Amino acid sequence: MAKITNPFLPLSTDLKMKYASKGTLTGYGHYYQVLGKEIIDSVNCLKVVERGNGSKVNPDLDPEWYYLRLVQDTSGVVWLLQEYDAKANS
């Protein structure tokens, strides 16, 4: 089952984690949203979109976003197996 239980980035299917900026970036948004599961090289991964880098109040309007394929090994380490950078590929 594709699930991340690491306490620093706990993710499972249909989860959206929103982060609010503080200090000089107060009001700006950032989030991770799990879009589903995907198999890469026979490994069950979570397909995650990461939106917002702090340049827009609404992270959906930020041109910088990523598709990530994440997996956690049996010792709890989270691995990034693939990354698609939308801004670099536009």
PDB file of N, CA and C in Angstrom:
ATOM      1  N   MET A   1       0.841  -1.185   0.000  1.00  0.00           N
ATOM      2  CA  MET A   1       0.000   0.000   0.000  1.00  0.00           C
ATOM      3  C   MET A   1       0.883   1.244   0.000  1.00  0.00           C
ATOM      4  N   ALA A   2       0.598   2.175  -0.858  1.00  0.00           N
ATOM      5  CA  ALA A   2       1.360   3.417  -0.923  1.00  0.00           C
ATOM      6  C   ALA A   2       0.868   4.352   0.170  1.00  0.00           C
ATOM      7  N   LYS A   3       1.741   4.602   1.123  1.00  0.00           N
ATOM      8  CA  LYS A   3       1.401   5.482   2.239  1.00  0.00           C
ATOM      9  C   LYS A   3       2.707   5.983   2.841  1.00  0.00           C
ATOM     10  N   ILE A   4       2.743   7.240   3.249  1.00  0.00           N
ATOM     11  CA  ILE A   4       3.915   7.815   3.899  1.00  0.00           C
ATOM     12  C   ILE A   4       3.531   8.075   5.353  1.00  0.00           C
ATOM     13  N   THR A   5       4.214   7.411   6.273  1.00  0.00           N
ATOM     14  CA  THR A   5       3.923   7.591   7.699  1.00  0.00           C
ATOM     15  C   THR A   5       5.001   8.386   8.413  1.00  0.00           C
ATOM     16  N   ASN A   6       6.018   8.839   7.674  1.00  0.00           N
ATOM     17  CA  ASN A   6       7.076   9.643   8.264  1.00  0.00           C
ATOM     18  C   ASN A   6       6.447  10.859   8.947  1.00  0.00           C
ATOM     19  N   PRO A   7       6.813  11.151  10.209  1.00  0.00           N
ATOM     20  CA  PRO A   7       6.152  12.236  10.940  1.00  0.00           C
ATOM     21  C   PRO A   7       6.369  13.627  10.336  1.00  0.00           C
ATOM     22  N   PHE A   8       7.372  13.799   9.491  1.00  0.00           N
ATOM     23  CA  PHE A   8       7.629  15.101   8.882  1.00  0.00           C
ATOM     24  C   PHE A   8       6.823  15.336   7.607  1.00  0.00           C
ATOM     25  N   LEU A   9       6.300  14.275   6.995  1.00  0.00           N
ATOM     26  CA  LEU A   9       5.493  14.394   5.786  1.00  0.00           C
ATOM     27  C   LEU A   9       4.524  13.213   5.691  1.00  0.00           C
ATOM     28  N   PRO A  10       3.553  13.131   6.618  1.00  0.00           N
ATOM     29  CA  PRO A  10       2.618  12.005   6.578  1.00  0.00           C
ATOM     30  C   PRO A  10       1.609  12.174   5.442  1.00  0.00           C
ATOM     31  N   LEU A  11       1.595  11.246   4.497  1.00  0.00           N
ATOM     32  CA  LEU A  11       0.711  11.335   3.337  1.00  0.00           C
ATOM     33  C   LEU A  11       0.016  10.016   3.080  1.00  0.00           C
ATOM     34  N   SER A  12      -1.229  10.083   2.661  1.00  0.00           N
ATOM     35  CA  SER A  12      -1.972   8.910   2.209  1.00  0.00           C
ATOM     36  C   SER A  12      -2.932   9.379   1.124  1.00  0.00           C
ATOM     37  N   THR A  13      -3.587   8.453   0.463  1.00  0.00           N
ATOM     38  CA  THR A  13      -4.440   8.816  -0.669  1.00  0.00           C
ATOM     39  C   THR A  13      -5.525   9.799  -0.246  1.00  0.00           C
ATOM     40  N   ASP A  14      -5.851  10.709  -1.143  1.00  0.00           N
ATOM     41  CA  ASP A  14      -6.897  11.724  -0.972  1.00  0.00           C
ATOM     42  C   ASP A  14      -6.616  12.696   0.169  1.00  0.00           C
ATOM     43  N   LEU A  15      -5.359  12.966   0.456  1.00  0.00           N
ATOM     44  CA  LEU A  15      -4.991  13.897   1.516  1.00  0.00           C
ATOM     45  C   LEU A  15      -4.458  15.183   0.905  1.00  0.00           C
ATOM     46  N   LYS A  16      -4.788  16.300   1.528  1.00  0.00           N
ATOM     47  CA  LYS A  16      -4.248  17.597   1.119  1.00  0.00           C
ATOM     48  C   LYS A  16      -3.714  18.283   2.366  1.00  0.00           C
ATOM     49  N   MET A  17      -2.410  18.580   2.358  1.00  0.00           N
ATOM     50  CA  MET A  17      -1.783  19.274   3.485  1.00  0.00           C
ATOM     51  C   MET A  17      -1.502  20.705   3.071  1.00  0.00           C
ATOM     52  N   LYS A  18      -2.084  21.659   3.809  1.00  0.00           N
ATOM     53  CA  LYS A  18      -1.896  23.078   3.509  1.00  0.00           C
ATOM     54  C   LYS A  18      -0.939  23.684   4.522  1.00  0.00           C
ATOM     55  N   TYR A  19      -0.053  24.522   4.027  1.00  0.00           N
ATOM     56  CA  TYR A  19       0.896  25.235   4.873  1.00  0.00           C
ATOM     57  C   TYR A  19       0.656  26.727   4.722  1.00  0.00           C
ATOM     58  N   ALA A  20       0.690  27.440   5.819  1.00  0.00           N
ATOM     59  CA  ALA A  20       0.538  28.895   5.793  1.00  0.00           C
ATOM     60  C   ALA A  20       1.884  29.523   6.113  1.00  0.00           C
ATOM     61  N   SER A  21       2.244  30.531   5.359  1.00  0.00           N
ATOM     62  CA  SER A  21       3.518  31.212   5.583  1.00  0.00           C
ATOM     63  C   SER A  21       3.419  32.153   6.781  1.00  0.00           C
ATOM     64  N   LYS A  22       4.551  32.441   7.359  1.00  0.00           N
ATOM     65  CA  LYS A  22       4.620  33.342   8.509  1.00  0.00           C
ATOM     66  C   LYS A  22       5.666  34.418   8.234  1.00  0.00           C
ATOM     67  N   GLY A  23       5.707  35.423   9.086  1.00  0.00           N
ATOM     68  CA  GLY A  23       6.698  36.490   8.941  1.00  0.00           C
ATOM     69  C   GLY A  23       6.401  37.357   7.740  1.00  0.00           C
ATOM     70  N   THR A  24       7.420  37.641   6.955  1.00  0.00           N
ATOM     71  CA  THR A  24       7.249  38.537   5.804  1.00  0.00           C
ATOM     72  C   THR A  24       6.399  37.912   4.697  1.00  0.00           C
ATOM     73  N   LEU A  25       6.220  36.593   4.718  1.00  0.00           N
ATOM     74  CA  LEU A  25       5.410  35.918   3.699  1.00  0.00           C
ATOM     75  C   LEU A  25       4.014  35.556   4.205  1.00  0.00           C
ATOM     76  N   THR A  26       3.562  36.155   5.311  1.00  0.00           N
ATOM     77  CA  THR A  26       2.249  35.848   5.872  1.00  0.00           C
ATOM     78  C   THR A  26       1.165  36.019   4.811  1.00  0.00           C
ATOM     79  N   GLY A  27       0.289  35.036   4.731  1.00  0.00           N
ATOM     80  CA  GLY A  27      -0.809  35.075   3.774  1.00  0.00           C
ATOM     81  C   GLY A  27      -0.559  34.272   2.516  1.00  0.00           C
ATOM     82  N   TYR A  28       0.675  33.898   2.268  1.00  0.00           N
ATOM     83  CA  TYR A  28       0.991  33.118   1.073  1.00  0.00           C
ATOM     84  C   TYR A  28       0.815  31.637   1.360  1.00  0.00           C
ATOM     85  N   GLY A  29       0.370  30.899   0.358  1.00  0.00           N
ATOM     86  CA  GLY A  29       0.042  29.499   0.568  1.00  0.00           C
ATOM     87  C   GLY A  29       0.967  28.527  -0.129  1.00  0.00           C
ATOM     88  N   HIS A  30       0.911  27.285   0.350  1.00  0.00           N
ATOM     89  CA  HIS A  30       1.693  26.170  -0.186  1.00  0.00           C
ATOM     90  C   HIS A  30       0.951  24.905   0.211  1.00  0.00           C
ATOM     91  N   TYR A  31       0.864  23.935  -0.683  1.00  0.00           N
ATOM     92  CA  TYR A  31       0.228  22.679  -0.281  1.00  0.00           C
ATOM     93  C   TYR A  31       0.791  21.479  -1.031  1.00  0.00           C
ATOM     94  N   TYR A  32       0.593  20.332  -0.419  1.00  0.00           N
ATOM     95  CA  TYR A  32       0.834  19.029  -1.033  1.00  0.00           C
ATOM     96  C   TYR A  32      -0.520  18.347  -1.131  1.00  0.00           C
ATOM     97  N   GLN A  33      -0.823  17.777  -2.292  1.00  0.00           N
ATOM     98  CA  GLN A  33      -2.071  17.037  -2.442  1.00  0.00           C
ATOM     99  C   GLN A  33      -1.778  15.702  -3.096  1.00  0.00           C
ATOM    100  N   VAL A  34      -2.241  14.640  -2.460  1.00  0.00           N
ATOM    101  CA  VAL A  34      -2.065  13.293  -3.004  1.00  0.00           C
ATOM    102  C   VAL A  34      -3.134  13.078  -4.064  1.00  0.00           C
ATOM    103  N   LEU A  35      -2.700  12.755  -5.269  1.00  0.00           N
ATOM    104  CA  LEU A  35      -3.613  12.557  -6.387  1.00  0.00           C
ATOM    105  C   LEU A  35      -3.974  11.095  -6.584  1.00  0.00           C
ATOM    106  N   GLY A  36      -3.192  10.199  -6.028  1.00  0.00           N
ATOM    107  CA  GLY A  36      -3.464   8.776  -6.176  1.00  0.00           C
ATOM    108  C   GLY A  36      -2.196   7.957  -6.059  1.00  0.00           C
ATOM    109  N   LYS A  37      -2.299   6.719  -6.491  1.00  0.00           N
ATOM    110  CA  LYS A  37      -1.169   5.794  -6.447  1.00  0.00           C
ATOM    111  C   LYS A  37      -0.668   5.546  -7.860  1.00  0.00           C
ATOM    112  N   GLU A  38       0.606   5.212  -7.957  1.00  0.00           N
ATOM    113  CA  GLU A  38       1.207   4.897  -9.254  1.00  0.00           C
ATOM    114  C   GLU A  38       2.344   3.915  -9.026  1.00  0.00           C
ATOM    115  N   ILE A  39       2.501   2.968  -9.936  1.00  0.00           N
ATOM    116  CA  ILE A  39       3.582   1.991  -9.825  1.00  0.00           C
ATOM    117  C   ILE A  39       4.722   2.419 -10.738  1.00  0.00           C
ATOM    118  N   ILE A  40       5.911   2.541 -10.158  1.00  0.00           N
ATOM    119  CA  ILE A  40       7.126   2.881 -10.903  1.00  0.00           C
ATOM    120  C   ILE A  40       8.160   1.815 -10.593  1.00  0.00           C
ATOM    121  N   ASP A  41       8.619   1.114 -11.632  1.00  0.00           N
ATOM    122  CA  ASP A  41       9.596   0.030 -11.462  1.00  0.00           C
ATOM    123  C   ASP A  41       9.161  -0.943 -10.372  1.00  0.00           C
ATOM    124  N   SER A  42       7.913  -1.348 -10.408  1.00  0.00           N
ATOM    125  CA  SER A  42       7.273  -2.299  -9.483  1.00  0.00           C
ATOM    126  C   SER A  42       7.195  -1.798  -8.033  1.00  0.00           C
ATOM    127  N   VAL A  43       7.324  -0.486  -7.826  1.00  0.00           N
ATOM    128  CA  VAL A  43       7.213   0.106  -6.493  1.00  0.00           C
ATOM    129  C   VAL A  43       5.930   0.924  -6.435  1.00  0.00           C
ATOM    130  N   ASN A  44       5.117   0.673  -5.418  1.00  0.00           N
ATOM    131  CA  ASN A  44       3.872   1.402  -5.199  1.00  0.00           C
ATOM    132  C   ASN A  44       4.182   2.788  -4.648  1.00  0.00           C
ATOM    133  N   CYS A  45       3.931   3.831  -5.420  1.00  0.00           N
ATOM    134  CA  CYS A  45       4.257   5.207  -5.030  1.00  0.00           C
ATOM    135  C   CYS A  45       2.991   6.025  -4.855  1.00  0.00           C
ATOM    136  N   LEU A  46       3.136   7.139  -4.161  1.00  0.00           N
ATOM    137  CA  LEU A  46       2.084   8.143  -4.108  1.00  0.00           C
ATOM    138  C   LEU A  46       2.405   9.217  -5.133  1.00  0.00           C
ATOM    139  N   LYS A  47       1.408   9.576  -5.952  1.00  0.00           N
ATOM    140  CA  LYS A  47       1.549  10.673  -6.896  1.00  0.00           C
ATOM    141  C   LYS A  47       1.042  11.923  -6.189  1.00  0.00           C
ATOM    142  N   VAL A  48       1.938  12.908  -6.036  1.00  0.00           N
ATOM    143  CA  VAL A  48       1.650  14.090  -5.228  1.00  0.00           C
ATOM    144  C   VAL A  48       1.903  15.336  -6.072  1.00  0.00           C
ATOM    145  N   VAL A  49       1.028  16.325  -5.943  1.00  0.00           N
ATOM    146  CA  VAL A  49       1.282  17.627  -6.554  1.00  0.00           C
ATOM    147  C   VAL A  49       1.678  18.585  -5.432  1.00  0.00           C
ATOM    148  N   GLU A  50       2.719  19.355  -5.681  1.00  0.00           N
ATOM    149  CA  GLU A  50       3.187  20.374  -4.742  1.00  0.00           C
ATOM    150  C   GLU A  50       2.971  21.724  -5.414  1.00  0.00           C
ATOM    151  N   ARG A  51       2.159  22.574  -4.801  1.00  0.00           N
ATOM    152  CA  ARG A  51       1.815  23.865  -5.406  1.00  0.00           C
ATOM    153  C   ARG A  51       2.225  25.001  -4.481  1.00  0.00           C
ATOM    154  N   GLY A  52       2.695  26.088  -5.085  1.00  0.00           N
ATOM    155  CA  GLY A  52       3.005  27.312  -4.361  1.00  0.00           C
ATOM    156  C   GLY A  52       4.419  27.351  -3.829  1.00  0.00           C
ATOM    157  N   ASN A  53       5.101  28.460  -4.084  1.00  0.00           N
ATOM    158  CA  ASN A  53       6.449  28.627  -3.528  1.00  0.00           C
ATOM    159  C   ASN A  53       6.559  29.925  -2.741  1.00  0.00           C
ATOM    160  N   GLY A  54       5.411  30.543  -2.456  1.00  0.00           N
ATOM    161  CA  GLY A  54       5.416  31.763  -1.665  1.00  0.00           C
ATOM    162  C   GLY A  54       5.356  33.040  -2.461  1.00  0.00           C
ATOM    163  N   SER A  55       5.191  32.963  -3.777  1.00  0.00           N
ATOM    164  CA  SER A  55       5.134  34.191  -4.562  1.00  0.00           C
ATOM    165  C   SER A  55       3.702  34.630  -4.862  1.00  0.00           C
ATOM    166  N   LYS A  56       2.726  33.818  -4.525  1.00  0.00           N
ATOM    167  CA  LYS A  56       1.312  34.148  -4.736  1.00  0.00           C
ATOM    168  C   LYS A  56       0.521  33.795  -3.481  1.00  0.00           C
ATOM    169  N   VAL A  57      -0.516  34.581  -3.209  1.00  0.00           N
ATOM    170  CA  VAL A  57      -1.389  34.268  -2.072  1.00  0.00           C
ATOM    171  C   VAL A  57      -2.111  32.950  -2.332  1.00  0.00           C
ATOM    172  N   ASN A  58      -2.609  32.770  -3.550  1.00  0.00           N
ATOM    173  CA  ASN A  58      -3.289  31.533  -3.933  1.00  0.00           C
ATOM    174  C   ASN A  58      -2.262  30.623  -4.615  1.00  0.00           C
ATOM    175  N   PRO A  59      -1.905  29.485  -3.979  1.00  0.00           N
ATOM    176  CA  PRO A  59      -0.883  28.622  -4.587  1.00  0.00           C
ATOM    177  C   PRO A  59      -1.260  28.070  -5.952  1.00  0.00           C
ATOM    178  N   ASP A  60      -2.557  27.992  -6.266  1.00  0.00           N
ATOM    179  CA  ASP A  60      -2.976  27.492  -7.579  1.00  0.00           C
ATOM    180  C   ASP A  60      -2.624  28.465  -8.701  1.00  0.00           C
ATOM    181  N   LEU A  61      -2.347  29.724  -8.369  1.00  0.00           N
ATOM    182  CA  LEU A  61      -1.972  30.714  -9.371  1.00  0.00           C
ATOM    183  C   LEU A  61      -0.458  30.833  -9.537  1.00  0.00           C
ATOM    184  N   ASP A  62       0.279  30.132  -8.705  1.00  0.00           N
ATOM    185  CA  ASP A  62       1.738  30.187  -8.746  1.00  0.00           C
ATOM    186  C   ASP A  62       2.250  29.365  -9.924  1.00  0.00           C
ATOM    187  N   PRO A  63       3.124  29.918 -10.760  1.00  0.00           N
ATOM    188  CA  PRO A  63       3.624  29.165 -11.909  1.00  0.00           C
ATOM    189  C   PRO A  63       4.586  28.038 -11.531  1.00  0.00           C
ATOM    190  N   GLU A  64       5.075  28.032 -10.293  1.00  0.00           N
ATOM    191  CA  GLU A  64       6.002  26.983  -9.864  1.00  0.00           C
ATOM    192  C   GLU A  64       5.234  25.886  -9.133  1.00  0.00           C
ATOM    193  N   TRP A  65       5.183  24.709  -9.729  1.00  0.00           N
ATOM    194  CA  TRP A  65       4.555  23.555  -9.096  1.00  0.00           C
ATOM    195  C   TRP A  65       5.196  22.281  -9.633  1.00  0.00           C
ATOM    196  N   TYR A  66       5.008  21.194  -8.897  1.00  0.00           N
ATOM    197  CA  TYR A  66       5.693  19.929  -9.196  1.00  0.00           C
ATOM    198  C   TYR A  66       4.744  18.749  -9.039  1.00  0.00           C
ATOM    199  N   TYR A  67       4.948  17.725  -9.868  1.00  0.00           N
ATOM    200  CA  TYR A  67       4.384  16.399  -9.625  1.00  0.00           C
ATOM    201  C   TYR A  67       5.505  15.560  -9.037  1.00  0.00           C
ATOM    202  N   LEU A  68       5.245  14.923  -7.918  1.00  0.00           N
ATOM    203  CA  LEU A  68       6.236  14.093  -7.237  1.00  0.00           C
ATOM    204  C   LEU A  68       5.736  12.660  -7.147  1.00  0.00           C
ATOM    205  N   ARG A  69       6.641  11.699  -7.226  1.00  0.00           N
ATOM    206  CA  ARG A  69       6.341  10.289  -6.953  1.00  0.00           C
ATOM    207  C   ARG A  69       7.152   9.915  -5.726  1.00  0.00           C
ATOM    208  N   LEU A  70       6.473   9.715  -4.599  1.00  0.00           N
ATOM    209  CA  LEU A  70       7.131   9.459  -3.319  1.00  0.00           C
ATOM    210  C   LEU A  70       6.831   8.056  -2.823  1.00  0.00           C
ATOM    211  N   VAL A  71       7.798   7.492  -2.124  1.00  0.00           N
ATOM    212  CA  VAL A  71       7.625   6.175  -1.511  1.00  0.00           C
ATOM    213  C   VAL A  71       8.420   6.158  -0.212  1.00  0.00           C
ATOM    214  N   GLN A  72       7.971   5.355   0.734  1.00  0.00           N
ATOM    215  CA  GLN A  72       8.662   5.210   2.018  1.00  0.00           C
ATOM    216  C   GLN A  72       9.177   3.785   2.141  1.00  0.00           C
ATOM    217  N   ASP A  73      10.443   3.635   2.549  1.00  0.00           N
ATOM    218  CA  ASP A  73      10.980   2.283   2.719  1.00  0.00           C
ATOM    219  C   ASP A  73      10.628   1.749   4.112  1.00  0.00           C
ATOM    220  N   THR A  74      11.019   0.513   4.385  1.00  0.00           N
ATOM    221  CA  THR A  74      10.637  -0.140   5.644  1.00  0.00           C
ATOM    222  C   THR A  74      11.263   0.489   6.880  1.00  0.00           C
ATOM    223  N   SER A  75      12.330   1.281   6.705  1.00  0.00           N
ATOM    224  CA  SER A  75      12.943   1.958   7.850  1.00  0.00           C
ATOM    225  C   SER A  75      12.358   3.347   8.084  1.00  0.00           C
ATOM    226  N   GLY A  76      11.408   3.782   7.235  1.00  0.00           N
ATOM    227  CA  GLY A  76      10.743   5.069   7.413  1.00  0.00           C
ATOM    228  C   GLY A  76      11.318   6.208   6.592  1.00  0.00           C
ATOM    229  N   VAL A  77      12.339   5.916   5.774  1.00  0.00           N
ATOM    230  CA  VAL A  77      12.943   6.951   4.927  1.00  0.00           C
ATOM    231  C   VAL A  77      12.051   7.175   3.705  1.00  0.00           C
ATOM    232  N   VAL A  78      11.795   8.455   3.380  1.00  0.00           N
ATOM    233  CA  VAL A  78      10.977   8.811   2.224  1.00  0.00           C
ATOM    234  C   VAL A  78      11.900   9.079   1.038  1.00  0.00           C
ATOM    235  N   TRP A  79      11.544   8.463  -0.096  1.00  0.00           N
ATOM    236  CA  TRP A  79      12.338   8.590  -1.317  1.00  0.00           C
ATOM    237  C   TRP A  79      11.522   9.284  -2.393  1.00  0.00           C
ATOM    238  N   LEU A  80      12.177  10.161  -3.132  1.00  0.00           N
ATOM    239  CA  LEU A  80      11.587  10.805  -4.293  1.00  0.00           C
ATOM    240  C   LEU A  80      12.039  10.016  -5.518  1.00  0.00           C
ATOM    241  N   LEU A  81      11.097   9.323  -6.175  1.00  0.00           N
ATOM    242  CA  LEU A  81      11.468   8.507  -7.335  1.00  0.00           C
ATOM    243  C   LEU A  81      11.363   9.272  -8.637  1.00  0.00           C
ATOM    244  N   GLN A  82      10.462  10.246  -8.704  1.00  0.00           N
ATOM    245  CA  GLN A  82      10.326  11.070  -9.906  1.00  0.00           C
ATOM    246  C   GLN A  82       9.877  12.459  -9.506  1.00  0.00           C
ATOM    247  N   GLU A  83      10.286  13.442 -10.315  1.00  0.00           N
ATOM    248  CA  GLU A  83       9.851  14.822 -10.113  1.00  0.00           C
ATOM    249  C   GLU A  83       9.634  15.448 -11.477  1.00  0.00           C
ATOM    250  N   TYR A  84       8.496  16.070 -11.646  1.00  0.00           N
ATOM    251  CA  TYR A  84       8.197  16.823 -12.865  1.00  0.00           C
ATOM    252  C   TYR A  84       8.060  18.279 -12.475  1.00  0.00           C
ATOM    253  N   ASP A  85       8.910  19.126 -12.985  1.00  0.00           N
ATOM    254  CA  ASP A  85       8.920  20.551 -12.702  1.00  0.00           C
ATOM    255  C   ASP A  85       8.146  21.243 -13.825  1.00  0.00           C
ATOM    256  N   ALA A  86       6.935  21.697 -13.531  1.00  0.00           N
ATOM    257  CA  ALA A  86       6.070  22.278 -14.556  1.00  0.00           C
ATOM    258  C   ALA A  86       6.640  23.564 -15.128  1.00  0.00           C
ATOM    259  N   LYS A  87       7.270  24.379 -14.292  1.00  0.00           N
ATOM    260  CA  LYS A  87       7.804  25.654 -14.770  1.00  0.00           C
ATOM    261  C   LYS A  87       8.978  25.430 -15.720  1.00  0.00           C
ATOM    262  N   ALA A  88       9.863  24.498 -15.391  1.00  0.00           N
ATOM    263  CA  ALA A  88      11.019  24.212 -16.229  1.00  0.00           C
ATOM    264  C   ALA A  88      10.618  23.534 -17.541  1.00  0.00           C
ATOM    265  N   ASN A  89       9.479  22.845 -17.533  1.00  0.00           N
ATOM    266  CA  ASN A  89       9.035  22.116 -18.723  1.00  0.00           C
ATOM    267  C   ASN A  89       7.977  22.857 -19.511  1.00  0.00           C
ATOM    268  N   SER A  90       7.751  24.131 -19.199  1.00  0.00           N
ATOM    269  CA  SER A  90       6.716  24.884 -19.934  1.00  0.00           C
ATOM    270  C   SER A  90       7.309  25.611 -21.122  1.00  0.00           C
TER     271      SER A  90
END
